């Protein structure tokens, strides 16, 4: 005759509901729709054969904007350097 071992919990024991997960574990089951879309990047030398005309136009516009941004940064750095050179120039 086999007998089942007695349960270690009484029949009227309270069962605690599972605690909500915190942090990344809580997000694991959800698609994060509110995340910003990744920025489009263009890699120099990239194969362009798979891009549409609209995608090429978009990349050209992005690169032209970046060239303008770099030009502005260069002007600011040049002006800053000129001001520093003028300040530290030896006076005769």
PDB file of N, CA and C in Angstrom:
ATOM      1  N   UNK A   1       0.813  -1.161   0.000  1.00  0.00           N
ATOM      2  CA  UNK A   1       0.000   0.000   0.000  1.00  0.00           C
ATOM      3  C   UNK A   1       0.879   1.255   0.000  1.00  0.00           C
ATOM      4  N   UNK A   2       0.626   2.146  -0.936  1.00  0.00           N
ATOM      5  CA  UNK A   2       1.392   3.383  -1.021  1.00  0.00           C
ATOM      6  C   UNK A   2       0.515   4.532  -0.556  1.00  0.00           C
ATOM      7  N   UNK A   3       1.126   5.367   0.200  1.00  0.00           N
ATOM      8  CA  UNK A   3       0.384   6.540   0.657  1.00  0.00           C
ATOM      9  C   UNK A   3       1.096   7.784   0.159  1.00  0.00           C
ATOM     10  N   UNK A   4       0.300   8.757  -0.212  1.00  0.00           N
ATOM     11  CA  UNK A   4       0.839  10.042  -0.675  1.00  0.00           C
ATOM     12  C   UNK A   4       1.339  10.815   0.539  1.00  0.00           C
ATOM     13  N   UNK A   5       2.464  11.517   0.405  1.00  0.00           N
ATOM     14  CA  UNK A   5       2.918  12.330   1.530  1.00  0.00           C
ATOM     15  C   UNK A   5       1.942  13.477   1.769  1.00  0.00           C
ATOM     16  N   UNK A   6       1.797  13.840   2.980  1.00  0.00           N
ATOM     17  CA  UNK A   6       0.888  14.927   3.353  1.00  0.00           C
ATOM     18  C   UNK A   6       1.444  16.252   2.835  1.00  0.00           C
ATOM     19  N   UNK A   7       0.568  17.122   2.400  1.00  0.00           N
ATOM     20  CA  UNK A   7       0.974  18.431   1.908  1.00  0.00           C
ATOM     21  C   UNK A   7       1.570  19.230   3.061  1.00  0.00           C
ATOM     22  N   UNK A   8       2.571  20.032   2.736  1.00  0.00           N
ATOM     23  CA  UNK A   8       3.197  20.852   3.776  1.00  0.00           C
ATOM     24  C   UNK A   8       2.393  22.114   4.028  1.00  0.00           C
ATOM     25  N   UNK A   9       1.412  22.415   3.143  1.00  0.00           N
ATOM     26  CA  UNK A   9       0.572  23.587   3.319  1.00  0.00           C
ATOM     27  C   UNK A   9      -0.834  23.144   3.680  1.00  0.00           C
ATOM     28  N   UNK A  10      -1.446  23.823   4.623  1.00  0.00           N
ATOM     29  CA  UNK A  10      -2.826  23.471   4.945  1.00  0.00           C
ATOM     30  C   UNK A  10      -3.735  23.838   3.774  1.00  0.00           C
ATOM     31  N   UNK A  11      -4.849  23.187   3.659  1.00  0.00           N
ATOM     32  CA  UNK A  11      -5.781  23.426   2.559  1.00  0.00           C
ATOM     33  C   UNK A  11      -6.283  24.855   2.524  1.00  0.00           C
ATOM     34  N   UNK A  12      -6.354  25.507   3.648  1.00  0.00           N
ATOM     35  CA  UNK A  12      -6.874  26.871   3.675  1.00  0.00           C
ATOM     36  C   UNK A  12      -5.756  27.940   3.645  1.00  0.00           C
ATOM     37  N   UNK A  13      -4.527  27.534   3.240  1.00  0.00           N
ATOM     38  CA  UNK A  13      -3.415  28.479   3.182  1.00  0.00           C
ATOM     39  C   UNK A  13      -3.675  29.506   2.085  1.00  0.00           C
ATOM     40  N   UNK A  14      -3.279  30.730   2.349  1.00  0.00           N
ATOM     41  CA  UNK A  14      -3.432  31.789   1.361  1.00  0.00           C
ATOM     42  C   UNK A  14      -2.356  31.657   0.287  1.00  0.00           C
ATOM     43  N   UNK A  15      -2.768  31.828  -0.929  1.00  0.00           N
ATOM     44  CA  UNK A  15      -1.818  31.792  -2.029  1.00  0.00           C
ATOM     45  C   UNK A  15      -1.605  33.226  -2.483  1.00  0.00           C
ATOM     46  N   UNK A  16      -0.359  33.669  -2.445  1.00  0.00           N
ATOM     47  CA  UNK A  16      -0.037  35.036  -2.837  1.00  0.00           C
ATOM     48  C   UNK A  16       0.002  35.125  -4.358  1.00  0.00           C
ATOM     49  N   UNK A  17      -0.613  36.157  -4.914  1.00  0.00           N
ATOM     50  CA  UNK A  17      -0.532  36.325  -6.360  1.00  0.00           C
ATOM     51  C   UNK A  17       0.896  36.694  -6.750  1.00  0.00           C
ATOM     52  N   UNK A  18       1.285  36.381  -7.969  1.00  0.00           N
ATOM     53  CA  UNK A  18       2.655  36.719  -8.371  1.00  0.00           C
ATOM     54  C   UNK A  18       2.855  38.227  -8.353  1.00  0.00           C
ATOM     55  N   UNK A  19       4.036  38.640  -7.978  1.00  0.00           N
ATOM     56  CA  UNK A  19       4.376  40.055  -7.930  1.00  0.00           C
ATOM     57  C   UNK A  19       4.689  40.551  -9.340  1.00  0.00           C
ATOM     58  N   UNK A  20       4.305  41.794  -9.657  1.00  0.00           N
ATOM     59  CA  UNK A  20       4.614  42.312 -10.989  1.00  0.00           C
ATOM     60  C   UNK A  20       6.118  42.426 -11.180  1.00  0.00           C
ATOM     61  N   UNK A  21       6.562  42.177 -12.397  1.00  0.00           N
ATOM     62  CA  UNK A  21       7.985  42.278 -12.714  1.00  0.00           C
ATOM     63  C   UNK A  21       8.383  43.739 -12.793  1.00  0.00           C
ATOM     64  N   UNK A  22       9.624  43.999 -12.521  1.00  0.00           N
ATOM     65  CA  UNK A  22      10.142  45.362 -12.541  1.00  0.00           C
ATOM     66  C   UNK A  22      11.168  45.507 -13.663  1.00  0.00           C
ATOM     67  N   UNK A  23      11.324  46.710 -14.182  1.00  0.00           N
ATOM     68  CA  UNK A  23      12.385  47.028 -15.137  1.00  0.00           C
ATOM     69  C   UNK A  23      12.249  46.316 -16.454  1.00  0.00           C
ATOM     70  N   UNK A  24      13.405  45.829 -16.972  1.00  0.00           N
ATOM     71  CA  UNK A  24      13.435  45.201 -18.283  1.00  0.00           C
ATOM     72  C   UNK A  24      12.588  43.949 -18.332  1.00  0.00           C
ATOM     73  N   UNK A  25      12.511  43.215 -17.236  1.00  0.00           N
ATOM     74  CA  UNK A  25      11.716  41.992 -17.214  1.00  0.00           C
ATOM     75  C   UNK A  25      10.250  42.306 -17.467  1.00  0.00           C
ATOM     76  N   UNK A  26       9.783  43.443 -16.993  1.00  0.00           N
ATOM     77  CA  UNK A  26       8.394  43.830 -17.207  1.00  0.00           C
ATOM     78  C   UNK A  26       8.149  44.175 -18.664  1.00  0.00           C
ATOM     79  N   UNK A  27       9.145  44.719 -19.336  1.00  0.00           N
ATOM     80  CA  UNK A  27       8.999  45.142 -20.718  1.00  0.00           C
ATOM     81  C   UNK A  27       9.207  44.005 -21.710  1.00  0.00           C
ATOM     82  N   UNK A  28       9.750  42.892 -21.274  1.00  0.00           N
ATOM     83  CA  UNK A  28      10.122  41.820 -22.183  1.00  0.00           C
ATOM     84  C   UNK A  28       8.948  41.318 -23.014  1.00  0.00           C
ATOM     85  N   UNK A  29       7.766  41.322 -22.497  1.00  0.00           N
ATOM     86  CA  UNK A  29       6.629  40.795 -23.218  1.00  0.00           C
ATOM     87  C   UNK A  29       5.889  41.823 -24.046  1.00  0.00           C
ATOM     88  N   UNK A  30       6.340  43.064 -24.074  1.00  0.00           N
ATOM     89  CA  UNK A  30       5.626  44.118 -24.769  1.00  0.00           C
ATOM     90  C   UNK A  30       6.460  44.672 -25.921  1.00  0.00           C
ATOM     91  N   UNK A  31       5.787  45.029 -26.997  1.00  0.00           N
ATOM     92  CA  UNK A  31       6.459  45.703 -28.100  1.00  0.00           C
ATOM     93  C   UNK A  31       6.480  47.181 -27.763  1.00  0.00           C
ATOM     94  N   UNK A  32       7.635  47.767 -27.839  1.00  0.00           N
ATOM     95  CA  UNK A  32       7.784  49.171 -27.449  1.00  0.00           C
ATOM     96  C   UNK A  32       7.515  50.065 -28.657  1.00  0.00           C
ATOM     97  N   UNK A  33       6.263  50.437 -28.855  1.00  0.00           N
ATOM     98  CA  UNK A  33       5.882  51.274 -29.979  1.00  0.00           C
ATOM     99  C   UNK A  33       6.277  52.726 -29.797  1.00  0.00           C
ATOM    100  N   UNK A  34       6.519  53.136 -28.558  1.00  0.00           N
ATOM    101  CA  UNK A  34       6.803  54.541 -28.300  1.00  0.00           C
ATOM    102  C   UNK A  34       8.282  54.888 -28.431  1.00  0.00           C
ATOM    103  N   UNK A  35       9.092  53.911 -28.785  1.00  0.00           N
ATOM    104  CA  UNK A  35      10.512  54.199 -28.965  1.00  0.00           C
ATOM    105  C   UNK A  35      10.712  55.011 -30.240  1.00  0.00           C
ATOM    106  N   UNK A  36      11.658  55.941 -30.243  1.00  0.00           N
ATOM    107  CA  UNK A  36      11.907  56.692 -31.472  1.00  0.00           C
ATOM    108  C   UNK A  36      12.485  55.765 -32.539  1.00  0.00           C
ATOM    109  N   UNK A  37      12.110  56.015 -33.763  1.00  0.00           N
ATOM    110  CA  UNK A  37      12.638  55.215 -34.869  1.00  0.00           C
ATOM    111  C   UNK A  37      14.132  55.465 -34.983  1.00  0.00           C
ATOM    112  N   UNK A  38      14.900  54.439 -35.323  1.00  0.00           N
ATOM    113  CA  UNK A  38      16.340  54.660 -35.458  1.00  0.00           C
ATOM    114  C   UNK A  38      16.618  55.662 -36.574  1.00  0.00           C
ATOM    115  N   UNK A  39      17.616  56.482 -36.353  1.00  0.00           N
ATOM    116  CA  UNK A  39      17.976  57.475 -37.357  1.00  0.00           C
ATOM    117  C   UNK A  39      18.546  56.761 -38.578  1.00  0.00           C
ATOM    118  N   UNK A  40      18.167  57.281 -39.734  1.00  0.00           N
ATOM    119  CA  UNK A  40      18.723  56.727 -40.960  1.00  0.00           C
ATOM    120  C   UNK A  40      20.177  57.183 -41.058  1.00  0.00           C
ATOM    121  N   UNK A  41      21.012  56.269 -41.453  1.00  0.00           N
ATOM    122  CA  UNK A  41      22.423  56.600 -41.604  1.00  0.00           C
ATOM    123  C   UNK A  41      22.863  56.192 -43.003  1.00  0.00           C
ATOM    124  N   UNK A  42      23.854  56.869 -43.465  1.00  0.00           N
ATOM    125  CA  UNK A  42      24.437  56.503 -44.741  1.00  0.00           C
ATOM    126  C   UNK A  42      25.882  56.153 -44.502  1.00  0.00           C
ATOM    127  N   UNK A  43      26.269  54.995 -44.941  1.00  0.00           N
ATOM    128  CA  UNK A  43      27.647  54.566 -44.789  1.00  0.00           C
ATOM    129  C   UNK A  43      28.385  54.889 -46.079  1.00  0.00           C
ATOM    130  N   UNK A  44      29.482  55.593 -45.976  1.00  0.00           N
ATOM    131  CA  UNK A  44      30.257  55.973 -47.152  1.00  0.00           C
ATOM    132  C   UNK A  44      30.728  54.699 -47.854  1.00  0.00           C
ATOM    133  N   UNK A  45      30.486  54.642 -49.162  1.00  0.00           N
ATOM    134  CA  UNK A  45      30.884  53.470 -49.946  1.00  0.00           C
ATOM    135  C   UNK A  45      29.837  52.371 -49.973  1.00  0.00           C
ATOM    136  N   UNK A  46      28.712  52.605 -49.349  1.00  0.00           N
ATOM    137  CA  UNK A  46      27.638  51.620 -49.260  1.00  0.00           C
ATOM    138  C   UNK A  46      27.090  51.294 -50.651  1.00  0.00           C
ATOM    139  N   UNK A  47      26.648  50.041 -50.858  1.00  0.00           N
ATOM    140  CA  UNK A  47      26.020  49.621 -52.106  1.00  0.00           C
ATOM    141  C   UNK A  47      24.699  50.364 -52.266  1.00  0.00           C
ATOM    142  N   UNK A  48      24.556  51.101 -53.343  1.00  0.00           N
ATOM    143  CA  UNK A  48      23.369  51.919 -53.563  1.00  0.00           C
ATOM    144  C   UNK A  48      22.354  51.239 -54.475  1.00  0.00           C
ATOM    145  N   UNK A  49      22.680  50.076 -54.985  1.00  0.00           N
ATOM    146  CA  UNK A  49      21.807  49.429 -55.961  1.00  0.00           C
ATOM    147  C   UNK A  49      20.456  49.017 -55.382  1.00  0.00           C
ATOM    148  N   UNK A  50      20.344  48.835 -54.089  1.00  0.00           N
ATOM    149  CA  UNK A  50      19.093  48.397 -53.464  1.00  0.00           C
ATOM    150  C   UNK A  50      18.205  49.557 -53.030  1.00  0.00           C
ATOM    151  N   UNK A  51      18.686  50.802 -53.202  1.00  0.00           N
ATOM    152  CA  UNK A  51      17.920  51.968 -52.770  1.00  0.00           C
ATOM    153  C   UNK A  51      17.014  52.472 -53.888  1.00  0.00           C
ATOM    154  N   UNK A  52      15.853  52.955 -53.503  1.00  0.00           N
ATOM    155  CA  UNK A  52      14.946  53.580 -54.467  1.00  0.00           C
ATOM    156  C   UNK A  52      15.412  55.007 -54.732  1.00  0.00           C
ATOM    157  N   UNK A  53      14.859  55.641 -55.770  1.00  0.00           N
ATOM    158  CA  UNK A  53      15.196  57.024 -56.081  1.00  0.00           C
ATOM    159  C   UNK A  53      14.826  57.924 -54.900  1.00  0.00           C
ATOM    160  N   UNK A  54      13.673  57.670 -54.280  1.00  0.00           N
ATOM    161  CA  UNK A  54      13.251  58.476 -53.125  1.00  0.00           C
ATOM    162  C   UNK A  54      14.235  58.319 -51.966  1.00  0.00           C
ATOM    163  N   UNK A  55      14.724  57.107 -51.730  1.00  0.00           N
ATOM    164  CA  UNK A  55      15.687  56.888 -50.647  1.00  0.00           C
ATOM    165  C   UNK A  55      17.010  57.586 -50.957  1.00  0.00           C
ATOM    166  N   UNK A  56      17.417  57.558 -52.223  1.00  0.00           N
ATOM    167  CA  UNK A  56      18.649  58.250 -52.605  1.00  0.00           C
ATOM    168  C   UNK A  56      18.485  59.755 -52.400  1.00  0.00           C
ATOM    169  N   UNK A  57      17.333  60.296 -52.817  1.00  0.00           N
ATOM    170  CA  UNK A  57      17.072  61.732 -52.616  1.00  0.00           C
ATOM    171  C   UNK A  57      17.097  62.095 -51.134  1.00  0.00           C
ATOM    172  N   UNK A  58      16.522  61.216 -50.306  1.00  0.00           N
ATOM    173  CA  UNK A  58      16.502  61.466 -48.859  1.00  0.00           C
ATOM    174  C   UNK A  58      17.917  61.475 -48.295  1.00  0.00           C
ATOM    175  N   UNK A  59      18.735  60.550 -48.748  1.00  0.00           N
ATOM    176  CA  UNK A  59      20.116  60.497 -48.256  1.00  0.00           C
ATOM    177  C   UNK A  59      20.928  61.688 -48.738  1.00  0.00           C
ATOM    178  N   UNK A  60      20.692  62.122 -49.979  1.00  0.00           N
ATOM    179  CA  UNK A  60      21.386  63.305 -50.488  1.00  0.00           C
ATOM    180  C   UNK A  60      21.037  64.512 -49.621  1.00  0.00           C
ATOM    181  N   UNK A  61      19.741  64.660 -49.300  1.00  0.00           N
ATOM    182  CA  UNK A  61      19.316  65.776 -48.452  1.00  0.00           C
ATOM    183  C   UNK A  61      19.957  65.686 -47.066  1.00  0.00           C
ATOM    184  N   UNK A  62      20.009  64.495 -46.502  1.00  0.00           N
ATOM    185  CA  UNK A  62      20.643  64.320 -45.185  1.00  0.00           C
ATOM    186  C   UNK A  62      22.127  64.676 -45.238  1.00  0.00           C
ATOM    187  N   UNK A  63      22.796  64.237 -46.289  1.00  0.00           N
ATOM    188  CA  UNK A  63      24.225  64.523 -46.409  1.00  0.00           C
ATOM    189  C   UNK A  63      24.479  66.007 -46.655  1.00  0.00           C
ATOM    190  N   UNK A  64      23.624  66.665 -47.446  1.00  0.00           N
ATOM    191  CA  UNK A  64      23.776  68.106 -47.662  1.00  0.00           C
ATOM    192  C   UNK A  64      23.574  68.878 -46.359  1.00  0.00           C
ATOM    193  N   UNK A  65      22.608  68.451 -45.550  1.00  0.00           N
ATOM    194  CA  UNK A  65      22.386  69.088 -44.249  1.00  0.00           C
ATOM    195  C   UNK A  65      23.590  68.874 -43.338  1.00  0.00           C
ATOM    196  N   UNK A  66      24.176  67.699 -43.405  1.00  0.00           N
ATOM    197  CA  UNK A  66      25.354  67.411 -42.579  1.00  0.00           C
ATOM    198  C   UNK A  66      26.550  68.242 -43.033  1.00  0.00           C
ATOM    199  N   UNK A  67      26.703  68.414 -44.344  1.00  0.00           N
ATOM    200  CA  UNK A  67      27.786  69.251 -44.865  1.00  0.00           C
ATOM    201  C   UNK A  67      27.623  70.683 -44.374  1.00  0.00           C
ATOM    202  N   UNK A  68      26.393  71.191 -44.396  1.00  0.00           N
ATOM    203  CA  UNK A  68      26.132  72.544 -43.898  1.00  0.00           C
ATOM    204  C   UNK A  68      26.453  72.646 -42.414  1.00  0.00           C
ATOM    205  N   UNK A  69      26.077  71.640 -41.646  1.00  0.00           N
ATOM    206  CA  UNK A  69      26.346  71.631 -40.200  1.00  0.00           C
ATOM    207  C   UNK A  69      27.845  71.631 -39.945  1.00  0.00           C
ATOM    208  N   UNK A  70      28.585  70.826 -40.720  1.00  0.00           N
ATOM    209  CA  UNK A  70      30.039  70.779 -40.570  1.00  0.00           C
ATOM    210  C   UNK A  70      30.679  72.113 -40.945  1.00  0.00           C
ATOM    211  N   UNK A  71      30.146  72.757 -41.978  1.00  0.00           N
ATOM    212  CA  UNK A  71      30.668  74.068 -42.380  1.00  0.00           C
ATOM    213  C   UNK A  71      30.490  75.099 -41.281  1.00  0.00           C
ATOM    214  N   UNK A  72      29.309  75.096 -40.643  1.00  0.00           N
ATOM    215  CA  UNK A  72      29.056  76.024 -39.531  1.00  0.00           C
ATOM    216  C   UNK A  72      29.994  75.753 -38.355  1.00  0.00           C
ATOM    217  N   UNK A  73      30.200  74.480 -38.041  1.00  0.00           N
ATOM    218  CA  UNK A  73      31.101  74.128 -36.937  1.00  0.00           C
ATOM    219  C   UNK A  73      32.524  74.573 -37.255  1.00  0.00           C
ATOM    220  N   UNK A  74      32.925  74.425 -38.518  1.00  0.00           N
ATOM    221  CA  UNK A  74      34.268  74.836 -38.927  1.00  0.00           C
ATOM    222  C   UNK A  74      34.439  76.346 -38.779  1.00  0.00           C
ATOM    223  N   UNK A  75      33.427  77.106 -39.188  1.00  0.00           N
ATOM    224  CA  UNK A  75      33.505  78.572 -39.047  1.00  0.00           C
ATOM    225  C   UNK A  75      33.637  78.980 -37.586  1.00  0.00           C
ATOM    226  N   UNK A  76      32.862  78.346 -36.708  1.00  0.00           N
ATOM    227  CA  UNK A  76      32.931  78.664 -35.278  1.00  0.00           C
ATOM    228  C   UNK A  76      34.304  78.329 -34.713  1.00  0.00           C
ATOM    229  N   UNK A  77      34.847  77.178 -35.104  1.00  0.00           N
ATOM    230  CA  UNK A  77      36.171  76.789 -34.594  1.00  0.00           C
ATOM    231  C   UNK A  77      37.250  77.735 -35.105  1.00  0.00           C
ATOM    232  N   UNK A  78      37.146  78.144 -36.366  1.00  0.00           N
ATOM    233  CA  UNK A  78      38.115  79.066 -36.940  1.00  0.00           C
ATOM    234  C   UNK A  78      38.061  80.409 -36.219  1.00  0.00           C
ATOM    235  N   UNK A  79      36.836  80.894 -35.958  1.00  0.00           N
ATOM    236  CA  UNK A  79      36.690  82.165 -35.244  1.00  0.00           C
ATOM    237  C   UNK A  79      37.246  82.052 -33.830  1.00  0.00           C
ATOM    238  N   UNK A  80      36.999  80.963 -33.172  1.00  0.00           N
ATOM    239  CA  UNK A  80      37.502  80.750 -31.817  1.00  0.00           C
ATOM    240  C   UNK A  80      39.029  80.712 -31.816  1.00  0.00           C
ATOM    241  N   UNK A  81      39.592  80.013 -32.800  1.00  0.00           N
ATOM    242  CA  UNK A  81      41.048  79.911 -32.889  1.00  0.00           C
ATOM    243  C   UNK A  81      41.665  81.285 -33.168  1.00  0.00           C
ATOM    244  N   UNK A  82      41.035  82.044 -34.059  1.00  0.00           N
ATOM    245  CA  UNK A  82      41.545  83.388 -34.379  1.00  0.00           C
ATOM    246  C   UNK A  82      41.519  84.293 -33.152  1.00  0.00           C
ATOM    247  N   UNK A  83      40.440  84.201 -32.373  1.00  0.00           N
ATOM    248  CA  UNK A  83      40.330  85.005 -31.155  1.00  0.00           C
ATOM    249  C   UNK A  83      41.411  84.611 -30.158  1.00  0.00           C
ATOM    250  N   UNK A  84      41.662  83.322 -30.029  1.00  0.00           N
ATOM    251  CA  UNK A  84      42.704  82.861 -29.102  1.00  0.00           C
ATOM    252  C   UNK A  84      44.078  83.303 -29.571  1.00  0.00           C
ATOM    253  N   UNK A  85      44.327  83.183 -30.880  1.00  0.00           N
ATOM    254  CA  UNK A  85      45.623  83.620 -31.412  1.00  0.00           C
ATOM    255  C   UNK A  85      45.831  85.113 -31.181  1.00  0.00           C
ATOM    256  N   UNK A  86      44.785  85.913 -31.378  1.00  0.00           N
ATOM    257  CA  UNK A  86      44.893  87.362 -31.175  1.00  0.00           C
ATOM    258  C   UNK A  86      45.154  87.686 -29.709  1.00  0.00           C
ATOM    259  N   UNK A  87      44.527  86.945 -28.815  1.00  0.00           N
ATOM    260  CA  UNK A  87      44.681  87.210 -27.376  1.00  0.00           C
ATOM    261  C   UNK A  87      46.091  86.865 -26.904  1.00  0.00           C
ATOM    262  N   UNK A  88      46.626  85.735 -27.400  1.00  0.00           N
ATOM    263  CA  UNK A  88      47.921  85.265 -26.913  1.00  0.00           C
ATOM    264  C   UNK A  88      49.098  85.699 -27.786  1.00  0.00           C
ATOM    265  N   UNK A  89      48.827  86.509 -28.799  1.00  0.00           N
ATOM    266  CA  UNK A  89      49.896  86.978 -29.673  1.00  0.00           C
ATOM    267  C   UNK A  89      50.839  87.861 -28.876  1.00  0.00           C
ATOM    268  N   UNK A  90      52.130  87.693 -29.150  1.00  0.00           N
ATOM    269  CA  UNK A  90      53.136  88.533 -28.474  1.00  0.00           C
ATOM    270  C   UNK A  90      53.030  89.947 -29.010  1.00  0.00           C
ATOM    271  N   UNK A  91      53.035  90.875 -28.118  1.00  0.00           N
ATOM    272  CA  UNK A  91      52.982  92.281 -28.515  1.00  0.00           C
ATOM    273  C   UNK A  91      54.399  92.833 -28.547  1.00  0.00           C
ATOM    274  N   UNK A  92      54.667  93.584 -29.577  1.00  0.00           N
ATOM    275  CA  UNK A  92      56.026  94.143 -29.741  1.00  0.00           C
ATOM    276  C   UNK A  92      56.281  95.299 -28.832  1.00  0.00           C
TER     277      UNK A  92
END
